[in-house]
Amino acid sequence: MVSADEVAEQLGEILNRDVKAFAIPRAGWAEAFEQFGIPKGHTGPAEEMFEP
C-alpha cells in the first residue's frame, strides 16, 4: 500500500509538475464527481464506491 501523498509525488515526477494530494470533505463529493464528468444527480454509485 502507498499513501495518497506518495502517489501524488510519483505522478508529479512523471508529469514534471507539482502534484498535491488533498482530501475532499464528504459533503463535496458529488460536486467533485460532477467536475470529473459524471452528470449532476447521477454521482451516487461513484460516491458509494468510496464510502468507508
C-alpha atoms as a PDB file:
ATOM      1  CA  MET A   1       0.000   0.000   0.000  1.00  0.00           C
ATOM      2  CA  VAL A   2       1.085   3.541  -0.675  1.00  0.00           C
ATOM      3  CA  SER A   3      -0.234   6.819   0.674  1.00  0.00           C
ATOM      4  CA  ALA A   4      -2.023   9.471  -1.357  1.00  0.00           C
ATOM      5  CA  ASP A   5       0.997  11.717  -0.866  1.00  0.00           C
ATOM      6  CA  GLU A   6       3.292   9.049  -2.341  1.00  0.00           C
ATOM      7  CA  VAL A   7       1.029   8.656  -5.381  1.00  0.00           C
ATOM      8  CA  ALA A   8       0.950  12.437  -5.859  1.00  0.00           C
ATOM      9  CA  GLU A   9       4.736  12.590  -5.625  1.00  0.00           C
ATOM     10  CA  GLN A  10       5.160   9.837  -8.225  1.00  0.00           C
ATOM     11  CA  LEU A  11       2.636  11.439 -10.584  1.00  0.00           C
ATOM     12  CA  GLY A  12       4.422  14.741 -10.184  1.00  0.00           C
ATOM     13  CA  GLU A  13       7.702  13.145 -11.186  1.00  0.00           C
ATOM     14  CA  ILE A  14       6.140  11.535 -14.263  1.00  0.00           C
ATOM     15  CA  LEU A  15       4.263  14.675 -15.314  1.00  0.00           C
ATOM     16  CA  ASN A  16       7.094  17.021 -14.331  1.00  0.00           C
ATOM     17  CA  ARG A  17       4.519  19.077 -12.415  1.00  0.00           C
ATOM     18  CA  ASP A  18       3.754  19.893  -8.806  1.00  0.00           C
ATOM     19  CA  VAL A  19       1.014  17.442  -7.727  1.00  0.00           C
ATOM     20  CA  LYS A  20      -0.529  17.549  -4.252  1.00  0.00           C
ATOM     21  CA  ALA A  21      -2.984  15.125  -2.676  1.00  0.00           C
ATOM     22  CA  PHE A  22      -5.804  16.538  -0.575  1.00  0.00           C
ATOM     23  CA  ALA A  23      -8.970  15.212   0.993  1.00  0.00           C
ATOM     24  CA  ILE A  24     -12.366  16.360  -0.210  1.00  0.00           C
ATOM     25  CA  PRO A  25     -14.947  16.554   2.596  1.00  0.00           C
ATOM     26  CA  ARG A  26     -17.808  14.077   2.154  1.00  0.00           C
ATOM     27  CA  ALA A  27     -20.240  16.943   1.513  1.00  0.00           C
ATOM     28  CA  GLY A  28     -18.199  17.916  -1.580  1.00  0.00           C
ATOM     29  CA  TRP A  29     -18.008  14.507  -3.241  1.00  0.00           C
ATOM     30  CA  ALA A  30     -20.983  14.971  -5.585  1.00  0.00           C
ATOM     31  CA  GLU A  31     -19.608  18.258  -6.902  1.00  0.00           C
ATOM     32  CA  ALA A  32     -16.141  16.734  -7.355  1.00  0.00           C
ATOM     33  CA  PHE A  33     -17.528  13.789  -9.327  1.00  0.00           C
ATOM     34  CA  GLU A  34     -19.548  16.188 -11.464  1.00  0.00           C
ATOM     35  CA  GLN A  35     -16.300  18.019 -12.281  1.00  0.00           C
ATOM     36  CA  PHE A  36     -14.913  14.656 -13.438  1.00  0.00           C
ATOM     37  CA  GLY A  37     -17.804  14.374 -15.902  1.00  0.00           C
ATOM     38  CA  ILE A  38     -20.466  12.408 -14.039  1.00  0.00           C
ATOM     39  CA  PRO A  39     -23.837  14.081 -14.718  1.00  0.00           C
ATOM     40  CA  LYS A  40     -25.486  16.005 -11.894  1.00  0.00           C
ATOM     41  CA  GLY A  41     -27.817  13.756  -9.937  1.00  0.00           C
ATOM     42  CA  HIS A  42     -26.009  10.574 -11.023  1.00  0.00           C
ATOM     43  CA  THR A  43     -22.996  10.598  -8.712  1.00  0.00           C
ATOM     44  CA  GLY A  44     -24.491   8.183  -6.153  1.00  0.00           C
ATOM     45  CA  PRO A  45     -22.823   4.987  -7.449  1.00  0.00           C
ATOM     46  CA  ALA A  46     -19.399   6.666  -7.599  1.00  0.00           C
ATOM     47  CA  GLU A  47     -19.882   8.054  -4.091  1.00  0.00           C
ATOM     48  CA  GLU A  48     -20.826   4.591  -2.799  1.00  0.00           C
ATOM     49  CA  MET A  49     -17.561   3.136  -4.140  1.00  0.00           C
ATOM     50  CA  PHE A  50     -15.562   5.431  -1.857  1.00  0.00           C
ATOM     51  CA  GLU A  51     -17.823   5.206   1.194  1.00  0.00           C
ATOM     52  CA  PRO A  52     -15.879   3.675   4.097  1.00  0.00           C
END
